[in-house]
């Protein structure tokens, strides 16, 4: 089964959001200061957000662990 994801990028604020679904949820911290994960009340990962996207270059990839 194919899954649709939504990707939003705001160039002005240098902010990228990826949503796996549109269920209600909240943001919580990850092990990386620039990455937040969006989760449902029961802990399902609904997506993630990357702040300051442009500072993460190809030679220095951003690595974060979603729980």
Protein backbone atom coordinates (compact mmCIF):
# COMPACT_ATOMS: atom_id res chain seq x y z
CA UNK A 1 0.00 0.00 0.00
CA UNK A 2 1.36 3.40 -0.99
CA UNK A 3 1.69 6.07 1.67
CA UNK A 4 1.32 9.78 1.03
CA UNK A 5 3.56 12.18 2.90
CA UNK A 6 3.39 15.95 2.99
CA UNK A 7 6.54 18.04 2.92
CA UNK A 8 6.53 21.73 3.75
CA UNK A 9 9.53 24.04 3.42
CA UNK A 10 9.61 27.66 4.52
CA UNK A 11 12.67 29.29 2.95
CA UNK A 12 12.33 32.47 4.99
CA UNK A 13 12.46 30.66 8.34
CA UNK A 14 14.67 27.80 7.00
CA UNK A 15 12.22 25.23 8.32
CA UNK A 16 11.30 21.81 6.86
CA UNK A 17 8.36 19.72 8.03
CA UNK A 18 7.54 16.17 6.92
CA UNK A 19 4.14 14.70 7.87
CA UNK A 20 3.29 11.04 7.44
CA UNK A 21 -0.37 11.71 8.29
CA UNK A 22 -2.61 14.53 9.53
CA UNK A 23 -3.65 12.98 12.86
CA UNK A 24 -3.66 15.31 15.88
CA UNK A 25 -0.37 15.29 17.73
CA UNK A 26 2.31 17.29 19.46
CA UNK A 27 6.00 18.05 18.97
CA UNK A 28 8.68 16.59 21.22
CA UNK A 29 12.45 16.88 21.32
CA UNK A 30 14.87 14.36 19.81
CA UNK A 31 18.56 13.80 20.44
CA UNK A 32 19.36 16.59 17.94
CA UNK A 33 18.69 20.26 18.75
CA UNK A 34 17.44 21.02 15.20
CA UNK A 35 15.01 18.09 14.95
CA UNK A 36 11.60 17.70 16.58
CA UNK A 37 9.32 14.73 16.09
CA UNK A 38 5.55 14.98 15.79
CA UNK A 39 3.79 12.20 17.72
CA UNK A 40 0.24 11.18 18.59
CA UNK A 41 -1.03 10.80 22.16
CA UNK A 42 -0.26 7.06 21.98
CA UNK A 43 3.33 7.64 20.77
CA UNK A 44 2.91 6.97 17.03
CA UNK A 45 5.39 9.01 14.96
CA UNK A 46 3.37 11.30 12.68
CA UNK A 47 6.28 13.25 11.18
CA UNK A 48 9.24 15.42 11.98
CA UNK A 49 10.55 18.97 11.68
CA UNK A 50 14.06 20.18 10.86
CA UNK A 51 15.00 23.71 11.81
CA UNK A 52 17.91 25.62 10.25
CA UNK A 53 17.91 23.21 7.30
CA UNK A 54 20.44 25.07 5.16
CA UNK A 55 23.23 24.79 7.73
CA UNK A 56 23.28 20.99 7.35
CA UNK A 57 25.49 20.34 4.37
CA UNK A 58 25.99 17.14 2.41
CA UNK A 59 29.46 16.59 3.87
CA UNK A 60 28.08 16.90 7.41
CA UNK A 61 24.72 15.08 7.43
CA UNK A 62 22.13 15.67 10.10
CA UNK A 63 21.59 12.53 12.18
CA UNK A 64 18.68 12.23 14.61
CA UNK A 65 16.90 9.29 16.19
CA UNK A 66 13.10 9.23 16.16
CA UNK A 67 11.71 7.14 18.99
